[in-house]
Amino acid sequence: MGLEASGASIHINRYESGKRTPAFSLVSGMAKLLRGPVSCFYEPDDTIAAIILAVGGMDVQQRLALLQRLQQEEKSQSGQEQAE
């Protein structure tokens, strides 16, 4: 990931404590190593981060099918609210 083994612990501790912000290239390297989406590292809401991880594990066809279902659900709910 580009960190020297001798100083990695110190750097990671500073990132975790919020004293430093890792460069995008480092976050990208961690995401690649962990096989997850980069966006997950930046999402503050744990529930949304879990959704990002789940969707990140899907292939393109599964993602598109999920997106269509979500859009249909949104239209359905929007229509129900207007009827009320």
PDB file of N, CA and C in Angstrom:
ATOM      1  N   MET A   1       0.821  -1.203   0.000  1.00  0.00           N
ATOM      2  CA  MET A   1       0.000   0.000   0.000  1.00  0.00           C
ATOM      3  C   MET A   1       0.857   1.255   0.000  1.00  0.00           C
ATOM      4  N   GLY A   2       2.148   1.102   0.083  1.00  0.00           N
ATOM      5  CA  GLY A   2       3.007   2.268   0.035  1.00  0.00           C
ATOM      6  C   GLY A   2       3.478   2.767   1.391  1.00  0.00           C
ATOM      7  N   LEU A   3       3.171   2.035   2.455  1.00  0.00           N
ATOM      8  CA  LEU A   3       3.652   2.413   3.788  1.00  0.00           C
ATOM      9  C   LEU A   3       4.824   1.520   4.173  1.00  0.00           C
ATOM     10  N   GLU A   4       5.834   2.129   4.750  1.00  0.00           N
ATOM     11  CA  GLU A   4       6.952   1.341   5.266  1.00  0.00           C
ATOM     12  C   GLU A   4       6.481   0.572   6.494  1.00  0.00           C
ATOM     13  N   ALA A   5       6.864  -0.676   6.603  1.00  0.00           N
ATOM     14  CA  ALA A   5       6.417  -1.522   7.716  1.00  0.00           C
ATOM     15  C   ALA A   5       6.786  -0.918   9.065  1.00  0.00           C
ATOM     16  N   SER A   6       7.951  -0.292   9.152  1.00  0.00           N
ATOM     17  CA  SER A   6       8.405   0.250  10.434  1.00  0.00           C
ATOM     18  C   SER A   6       7.537   1.404  10.934  1.00  0.00           C
ATOM     19  N   GLY A   7       6.947   2.181  10.029  1.00  0.00           N
ATOM     20  CA  GLY A   7       6.147   3.326  10.450  1.00  0.00           C
ATOM     21  C   GLY A   7       4.661   3.177  10.198  1.00  0.00           C
ATOM     22  N   ALA A   8       4.253   2.047   9.654  1.00  0.00           N
ATOM     23  CA  ALA A   8       2.840   1.860   9.292  1.00  0.00           C
ATOM     24  C   ALA A   8       1.923   2.004  10.495  1.00  0.00           C
ATOM     25  N   SER A   9       2.310   1.444  11.615  1.00  0.00           N
ATOM     26  CA  SER A   9       1.481   1.493  12.823  1.00  0.00           C
ATOM     27  C   SER A   9       1.213   2.935  13.253  1.00  0.00           C
ATOM     28  N   ILE A  10       2.232   3.756  13.206  1.00  0.00           N
ATOM     29  CA  ILE A  10       2.091   5.160  13.600  1.00  0.00           C
ATOM     30  C   ILE A  10       1.148   5.886  12.635  1.00  0.00           C
ATOM     31  N   HIS A  11       1.335   5.657  11.333  1.00  0.00           N
ATOM     32  CA  HIS A  11       0.475   6.307  10.342  1.00  0.00           C
ATOM     33  C   HIS A  11      -0.977   5.888  10.513  1.00  0.00           C
ATOM     34  N   ILE A  12      -1.206   4.593  10.640  1.00  0.00           N
ATOM     35  CA  ILE A  12      -2.578   4.085  10.780  1.00  0.00           C
ATOM     36  C   ILE A  12      -3.214   4.655  12.041  1.00  0.00           C
ATOM     37  N   ASN A  13      -2.463   4.728  13.130  1.00  0.00           N
ATOM     38  CA  ASN A  13      -2.981   5.298  14.373  1.00  0.00           C
ATOM     39  C   ASN A  13      -3.402   6.746  14.170  1.00  0.00           C
ATOM     40  N   ARG A  14      -2.618   7.513  13.450  1.00  0.00           N
ATOM     41  CA  ARG A  14      -2.956   8.919  13.188  1.00  0.00           C
ATOM     42  C   ARG A  14      -4.201   9.032  12.314  1.00  0.00           C
ATOM     43  N   TYR A  15      -4.348   8.118  11.362  1.00  0.00           N
ATOM     44  CA  TYR A  15      -5.542   8.126  10.519  1.00  0.00           C
ATOM     45  C   TYR A  15      -6.767   7.779  11.353  1.00  0.00           C
ATOM     46  N   GLU A  16      -6.649   6.770  12.186  1.00  0.00           N
ATOM     47  CA  GLU A  16      -7.779   6.325  13.011  1.00  0.00           C
ATOM     48  C   GLU A  16      -8.200   7.386  14.017  1.00  0.00           C
ATOM     49  N   SER A  17      -7.232   8.119  14.552  1.00  0.00           N
ATOM     50  CA  SER A  17      -7.551   9.141  15.552  1.00  0.00           C
ATOM     51  C   SER A  17      -8.019  10.453  14.920  1.00  0.00           C
ATOM     52  N   GLY A  18      -7.921  10.555  13.597  1.00  0.00           N
ATOM     53  CA  GLY A  18      -8.362  11.769  12.916  1.00  0.00           C
ATOM     54  C   GLY A  18      -7.314  12.862  12.881  1.00  0.00           C
ATOM     55  N   LYS A  19      -6.093  12.563  13.312  1.00  0.00           N
ATOM     56  CA  LYS A  19      -5.025  13.562  13.289  1.00  0.00           C
ATOM     57  C   LYS A  19      -4.501  13.805  11.881  1.00  0.00           C
ATOM     58  N   ARG A  20      -4.612  12.796  11.029  1.00  0.00           N
ATOM     59  CA  ARG A  20      -4.188  12.908   9.638  1.00  0.00           C
ATOM     60  C   ARG A  20      -5.242  12.283   8.750  1.00  0.00           C
ATOM     61  N   THR A  21      -5.282  12.726   7.518  1.00  0.00           N
ATOM     62  CA  THR A  21      -6.187  12.156   6.528  1.00  0.00           C
ATOM     63  C   THR A  21      -5.340  11.446   5.480  1.00  0.00           C
ATOM     64  N   PRO A  22      -5.637  10.178   5.225  1.00  0.00           N
ATOM     65  CA  PRO A  22      -4.829   9.457   4.237  1.00  0.00           C
ATOM     66  C   PRO A  22      -5.092   9.966   2.823  1.00  0.00           C
ATOM     67  N   ALA A  23      -4.067   9.923   2.003  1.00  0.00           N
ATOM     68  CA  ALA A  23      -4.209  10.309   0.599  1.00  0.00           C
ATOM     69  C   ALA A  23      -5.152   9.332  -0.090  1.00  0.00           C
ATOM     70  N   PHE A  24      -5.827   9.820  -1.129  1.00  0.00           N
ATOM     71  CA  PHE A  24      -6.753   8.970  -1.866  1.00  0.00           C
ATOM     72  C   PHE A  24      -6.046   7.727  -2.404  1.00  0.00           C
ATOM     73  N   SER A  25      -4.816   7.882  -2.840  1.00  0.00           N
ATOM     74  CA  SER A  25      -4.078   6.735  -3.380  1.00  0.00           C
ATOM     75  C   SER A  25      -3.886   5.653  -2.325  1.00  0.00           C
ATOM     76  N   LEU A  26      -3.687   6.030  -1.073  1.00  0.00           N
ATOM     77  CA  LEU A  26      -3.549   5.051  -0.001  1.00  0.00           C
ATOM     78  C   LEU A  26      -4.878   4.355   0.266  1.00  0.00           C
ATOM     79  N   VAL A  27      -5.959   5.131   0.320  1.00  0.00           N
ATOM     80  CA  VAL A  27      -7.289   4.551   0.541  1.00  0.00           C
ATOM     81  C   VAL A  27      -7.640   3.614  -0.611  1.00  0.00           C
ATOM     82  N   SER A  28      -7.308   4.029  -1.815  1.00  0.00           N
ATOM     83  CA  SER A  28      -7.555   3.195  -2.986  1.00  0.00           C
ATOM     84  C   SER A  28      -6.777   1.883  -2.894  1.00  0.00           C
ATOM     85  N   GLY A  29      -5.548   1.961  -2.432  1.00  0.00           N
ATOM     86  CA  GLY A  29      -4.738   0.755  -2.249  1.00  0.00           C
ATOM     87  C   GLY A  29      -5.323  -0.167  -1.195  1.00  0.00           C
ATOM     88  N   MET A  30      -5.819   0.408  -0.091  1.00  0.00           N
ATOM     89  CA  MET A  30      -6.449  -0.414   0.950  1.00  0.00           C
ATOM     90  C   MET A  30      -7.700  -1.086   0.414  1.00  0.00           C
ATOM     91  N   ALA A  31      -8.492  -0.336  -0.345  1.00  0.00           N
ATOM     92  CA  ALA A  31      -9.724  -0.897  -0.910  1.00  0.00           C
ATOM     93  C   ALA A  31      -9.407  -2.052  -1.857  1.00  0.00           C
ATOM     94  N   LYS A  32      -8.388  -1.865  -2.659  1.00  0.00           N
ATOM     95  CA  LYS A  32      -7.993  -2.926  -3.592  1.00  0.00           C
ATOM     96  C   LYS A  32      -7.521  -4.155  -2.827  1.00  0.00           C
ATOM     97  N   LEU A  33      -6.712  -3.948  -1.805  1.00  0.00           N
ATOM     98  CA  LEU A  33      -6.202  -5.045  -0.992  1.00  0.00           C
ATOM     99  C   LEU A  33      -7.337  -5.791  -0.286  1.00  0.00           C
ATOM    100  N   LEU A  34      -8.317  -5.037   0.202  1.00  0.00           N
ATOM    101  CA  LEU A  34      -9.452  -5.630   0.924  1.00  0.00           C
ATOM    102  C   LEU A  34     -10.594  -6.034  -0.009  1.00  0.00           C
ATOM    103  N   ARG A  35     -10.430  -5.738  -1.297  1.00  0.00           N
ATOM    104  CA  ARG A  35     -11.425  -6.071  -2.317  1.00  0.00           C
ATOM    105  C   ARG A  35     -12.793  -5.459  -2.026  1.00  0.00           C
ATOM    106  N   GLY A  36     -12.767  -4.172  -1.700  1.00  0.00           N
ATOM    107  CA  GLY A  36     -13.999  -3.442  -1.430  1.00  0.00           C
ATOM    108  C   GLY A  36     -13.976  -2.112  -2.155  1.00  0.00           C
ATOM    109  N   PRO A  37     -15.124  -1.452  -2.249  1.00  0.00           N
ATOM    110  CA  PRO A  37     -15.183  -0.160  -2.925  1.00  0.00           C
ATOM    111  C   PRO A  37     -14.532   0.955  -2.101  1.00  0.00           C
ATOM    112  N   VAL A  38     -13.860   1.857  -2.770  1.00  0.00           N
ATOM    113  CA  VAL A  38     -13.201   2.989  -2.108  1.00  0.00           C
ATOM    114  C   VAL A  38     -14.215   3.830  -1.344  1.00  0.00           C
ATOM    115  N   SER A  39     -15.397   4.011  -1.919  1.00  0.00           N
ATOM    116  CA  SER A  39     -16.410   4.877  -1.309  1.00  0.00           C
ATOM    117  C   SER A  39     -16.795   4.424   0.094  1.00  0.00           C
ATOM    118  N   CYS A  40     -16.652   3.155   0.374  1.00  0.00           N
ATOM    119  CA  CYS A  40     -17.001   2.623   1.691  1.00  0.00           C
ATOM    120  C   CYS A  40     -16.153   3.260   2.800  1.00  0.00           C
ATOM    121  N   PHE A  41     -14.912   3.606   2.466  1.00  0.00           N
ATOM    122  CA  PHE A  41     -14.011   4.205   3.453  1.00  0.00           C
ATOM    123  C   PHE A  41     -14.422   5.632   3.820  1.00  0.00           C
ATOM    124  N   TYR A  42     -15.185   6.275   2.957  1.00  0.00           N
ATOM    125  CA  TYR A  42     -15.566   7.659   3.180  1.00  0.00           C
ATOM    126  C   TYR A  42     -16.991   7.813   3.705  1.00  0.00           C
ATOM    127  N   GLU A  43     -17.736   6.734   3.782  1.00  0.00           N
ATOM    128  CA  GLU A  43     -19.140   6.804   4.212  1.00  0.00           C
ATOM    129  C   GLU A  43     -19.230   6.774   5.737  1.00  0.00           C
ATOM    130  N   PRO A  44     -19.744   7.841   6.362  1.00  0.00           N
ATOM    131  CA  PRO A  44     -19.820   7.884   7.822  1.00  0.00           C
ATOM    132  C   PRO A  44     -20.958   7.042   8.412  1.00  0.00           C
ATOM    133  N   ASP A  45     -21.986   6.754   7.637  1.00  0.00           N
ATOM    134  CA  ASP A  45     -23.123   5.974   8.132  1.00  0.00           C
ATOM    135  C   ASP A  45     -22.829   4.482   7.950  1.00  0.00           C
ATOM    136  N   ASP A  46     -22.761   3.741   9.045  1.00  0.00           N
ATOM    137  CA  ASP A  46     -22.404   2.322   8.987  1.00  0.00           C
ATOM    138  C   ASP A  46     -23.392   1.497   8.166  1.00  0.00           C
ATOM    139  N   THR A  47     -24.664   1.853   8.220  1.00  0.00           N
ATOM    140  CA  THR A  47     -25.667   1.110   7.454  1.00  0.00           C
ATOM    141  C   THR A  47     -25.449   1.308   5.960  1.00  0.00           C
ATOM    142  N   ILE A  48     -25.210   2.543   5.566  1.00  0.00           N
ATOM    143  CA  ILE A  48     -24.960   2.814   4.149  1.00  0.00           C
ATOM    144  C   ILE A  48     -23.646   2.174   3.708  1.00  0.00           C
ATOM    145  N   ALA A  49     -22.639   2.204   4.570  1.00  0.00           N
ATOM    146  CA  ALA A  49     -21.369   1.549   4.245  1.00  0.00           C
ATOM    147  C   ALA A  49     -21.570   0.051   4.024  1.00  0.00           C
ATOM    148  N   ALA A  50     -22.411  -0.572   4.840  1.00  0.00           N
ATOM    149  CA  ALA A  50     -22.700  -2.003   4.674  1.00  0.00           C
ATOM    150  C   ALA A  50     -23.416  -2.256   3.350  1.00  0.00           C
ATOM    151  N   ILE A  51     -24.300  -1.349   2.972  1.00  0.00           N
ATOM    152  CA  ILE A  51     -25.001  -1.475   1.683  1.00  0.00           C
ATOM    153  C   ILE A  51     -23.990  -1.337   0.540  1.00  0.00           C
ATOM    154  N   ILE A  52     -23.088  -0.376   0.652  1.00  0.00           N
ATOM    155  CA  ILE A  52     -22.053  -0.191  -0.361  1.00  0.00           C
ATOM    156  C   ILE A  52     -21.212  -1.456  -0.506  1.00  0.00           C
ATOM    157  N   LEU A  53     -20.833  -2.061   0.613  1.00  0.00           N
ATOM    158  CA  LEU A  53     -20.058  -3.304   0.564  1.00  0.00           C
ATOM    159  C   LEU A  53     -20.835  -4.414  -0.120  1.00  0.00           C
ATOM    160  N   ALA A  54     -22.112  -4.531   0.218  1.00  0.00           N
ATOM    161  CA  ALA A  54     -22.942  -5.584  -0.379  1.00  0.00           C
ATOM    162  C   ALA A  54     -23.079  -5.382  -1.883  1.00  0.00           C
ATOM    163  N   VAL A  55     -23.341  -4.162  -2.293  1.00  0.00           N
ATOM    164  CA  VAL A  55     -23.499  -3.867  -3.719  1.00  0.00           C
ATOM    165  C   VAL A  55     -22.157  -4.021  -4.442  1.00  0.00           C
ATOM    166  N   GLY A  56     -21.084  -3.667  -3.768  1.00  0.00           N
ATOM    167  CA  GLY A  56     -19.751  -3.808  -4.361  1.00  0.00           C
ATOM    168  C   GLY A  56     -19.395  -5.252  -4.682  1.00  0.00           C
ATOM    169  N   GLY A  57     -20.011  -6.193  -3.983  1.00  0.00           N
ATOM    170  CA  GLY A  57     -19.761  -7.606  -4.240  1.00  0.00           C
ATOM    171  C   GLY A  57     -20.606  -8.193  -5.353  1.00  0.00           C
ATOM    172  N   MET A  58     -21.495  -7.390  -5.916  1.00  0.00           N
ATOM    173  CA  MET A  58     -22.381  -7.861  -6.989  1.00  0.00           C
ATOM    174  C   MET A  58     -21.738  -7.637  -8.349  1.00  0.00           C
ATOM    175  N   ASP A  59     -22.160  -8.430  -9.327  1.00  0.00           N
ATOM    176  CA  ASP A  59     -21.710  -8.151 -10.689  1.00  0.00           C
ATOM    177  C   ASP A  59     -22.604  -7.057 -11.283  1.00  0.00           C
ATOM    178  N   VAL A  60     -22.251  -6.590 -12.457  1.00  0.00           N
ATOM    179  CA  VAL A  60     -22.945  -5.453 -13.070  1.00  0.00           C
ATOM    180  C   VAL A  60     -24.430  -5.745 -13.270  1.00  0.00           C
ATOM    181  N   GLN A  61     -24.771  -6.933 -13.725  1.00  0.00           N
ATOM    182  CA  GLN A  61     -26.181  -7.267 -13.961  1.00  0.00           C
ATOM    183  C   GLN A  61     -26.978  -7.250 -12.660  1.00  0.00           C
ATOM    184  N   GLN A  62     -26.396  -7.748 -11.585  1.00  0.00           N
ATOM    185  CA  GLN A  62     -27.078  -7.732 -10.283  1.00  0.00           C
ATOM    186  C   GLN A  62     -27.276  -6.296  -9.802  1.00  0.00           C
ATOM    187  N   ARG A  63     -26.281  -5.459 -10.012  1.00  0.00           N
ATOM    188  CA  ARG A  63     -26.396  -4.054  -9.602  1.00  0.00           C
ATOM    189  C   ARG A  63     -27.507  -3.345 -10.362  1.00  0.00           C
ATOM    190  N   LEU A  64     -27.552  -3.585 -11.673  1.00  0.00           N
ATOM    191  CA  LEU A  64     -28.589  -2.949 -12.487  1.00  0.00           C
ATOM    192  C   LEU A  64     -29.981  -3.420 -12.083  1.00  0.00           C
ATOM    193  N   ALA A  65     -30.113  -4.713 -11.797  1.00  0.00           N
ATOM    194  CA  ALA A  65     -31.414  -5.246 -11.363  1.00  0.00           C
ATOM    195  C   ALA A  65     -31.820  -4.628 -10.028  1.00  0.00           C
ATOM    196  N   LEU A  66     -30.883  -4.493  -9.119  1.00  0.00           N
ATOM    197  CA  LEU A  66     -31.170  -3.865  -7.818  1.00  0.00           C
ATOM    198  C   LEU A  66     -31.576  -2.412  -8.013  1.00  0.00           C
ATOM    199  N   LEU A  67     -30.857  -1.705  -8.857  1.00  0.00           N
ATOM    200  CA  LEU A  67     -31.181  -0.302  -9.119  1.00  0.00           C
ATOM    201  C   LEU A  67     -32.592  -0.166  -9.680  1.00  0.00           C
ATOM    202  N   GLN A  68     -32.958  -1.022 -10.598  1.00  0.00           N
ATOM    203  CA  GLN A  68     -34.313  -0.979 -11.166  1.00  0.00           C
ATOM    204  C   GLN A  68     -35.368  -1.237 -10.094  1.00  0.00           C
ATOM    205  N   ARG A  69     -35.114  -2.214  -9.213  1.00  0.00           N
ATOM    206  CA  ARG A  69     -36.071  -2.493  -8.133  1.00  0.00           C
ATOM    207  C   ARG A  69     -36.203  -1.303  -7.199  1.00  0.00           C
ATOM    208  N   LEU A  70     -35.099  -0.682  -6.869  1.00  0.00           N
ATOM    209  CA  LEU A  70     -35.141   0.483  -5.976  1.00  0.00           C
ATOM    210  C   LEU A  70     -35.881   1.652  -6.636  1.00  0.00           C
ATOM    211  N   GLN A  71     -35.642   1.860  -7.914  1.00  0.00           N
ATOM    212  CA  GLN A  71     -36.329   2.942  -8.623  1.00  0.00           C
ATOM    213  C   GLN A  71     -37.827   2.667  -8.710  1.00  0.00           C
ATOM    214  N   GLN A  72     -38.216   1.424  -8.938  1.00  0.00           N
ATOM    215  CA  GLN A  72     -39.634   1.068  -8.974  1.00  0.00           C
ATOM    216  C   GLN A  72     -40.278   1.281  -7.611  1.00  0.00           C
ATOM    217  N   GLU A  73     -39.566   0.901  -6.562  1.00  0.00           N
ATOM    218  CA  GLU A  73     -40.072   1.091  -5.194  1.00  0.00           C
ATOM    219  C   GLU A  73     -40.245   2.574  -4.894  1.00  0.00           C
ATOM    220  N   GLU A  74     -39.301   3.374  -5.327  1.00  0.00           N
ATOM    221  CA  GLU A  74     -39.373   4.819  -5.102  1.00  0.00           C
ATOM    222  C   GLU A  74     -40.580   5.419  -5.840  1.00  0.00           C
ATOM    223  N   LYS A  75     -40.803   4.999  -7.086  1.00  0.00           N
ATOM    224  CA  LYS A  75     -41.953   5.488  -7.848  1.00  0.00           C
ATOM    225  C   LYS A  75     -43.257   5.061  -7.182  1.00  0.00           C
ATOM    226  N   SER A  76     -43.295   3.829  -6.706  1.00  0.00           N
ATOM    227  CA  SER A  76     -44.485   3.308  -6.050  1.00  0.00           C
ATOM    228  C   SER A  76     -44.799   4.104  -4.782  1.00  0.00           C
ATOM    229  N   GLN A  77     -43.789   4.376  -3.977  1.00  0.00           N
ATOM    230  CA  GLN A  77     -43.994   5.141  -2.746  1.00  0.00           C
ATOM    231  C   GLN A  77     -44.378   6.566  -3.050  1.00  0.00           C
ATOM    232  N   SER A  78     -43.772   7.145  -4.078  1.00  0.00           N
ATOM    233  CA  SER A  78     -44.077   8.523  -4.463  1.00  0.00           C
ATOM    234  C   SER A  78     -45.525   8.618  -4.932  1.00  0.00           C
ATOM    235  N   GLY A  79     -45.989   7.621  -5.687  1.00  0.00           N
ATOM    236  CA  GLY A  79     -47.364   7.592  -6.153  1.00  0.00           C
ATOM    237  C   GLY A  79     -48.353   7.447  -5.010  1.00  0.00           C
ATOM    238  N   GLN A  80     -48.013   6.648  -4.011  1.00  0.00           N
ATOM    239  CA  GLN A  80     -48.891   6.458  -2.849  1.00  0.00           C
ATOM    240  C   GLN A  80     -48.998   7.748  -2.045  1.00  0.00           C
ATOM    241  N   GLU A  81     -47.895   8.477  -1.914  1.00  0.00           N
ATOM    242  CA  GLU A  81     -47.916   9.727  -1.153  1.00  0.00           C
ATOM    243  C   GLU A  81     -48.764  10.775  -1.853  1.00  0.00           C
ATOM    244  N   GLN A  82     -48.707  10.815  -3.179  1.00  0.00           N
ATOM    245  CA  GLN A  82     -49.506  11.776  -3.926  1.00  0.00           C
ATOM    246  C   GLN A  82     -50.997  11.439  -3.853  1.00  0.00           C
ATOM    247  N   ALA A  83     -51.325  10.148  -3.764  1.00  0.00           N
ATOM    248  CA  ALA A  83     -52.729   9.712  -3.682  1.00  0.00           C
ATOM    249  C   ALA A  83     -53.350  10.101  -2.344  1.00  0.00           C
ATOM    250  N   GLU A  84     -52.522  10.213  -1.338  1.00  0.00           N
ATOM    251  CA  GLU A  84     -53.024  10.547   0.000  1.00  0.00           C
ATOM    252  C   GLU A  84     -53.249  12.018   0.050  1.00  0.00           C
TER     253      GLU A  84
END
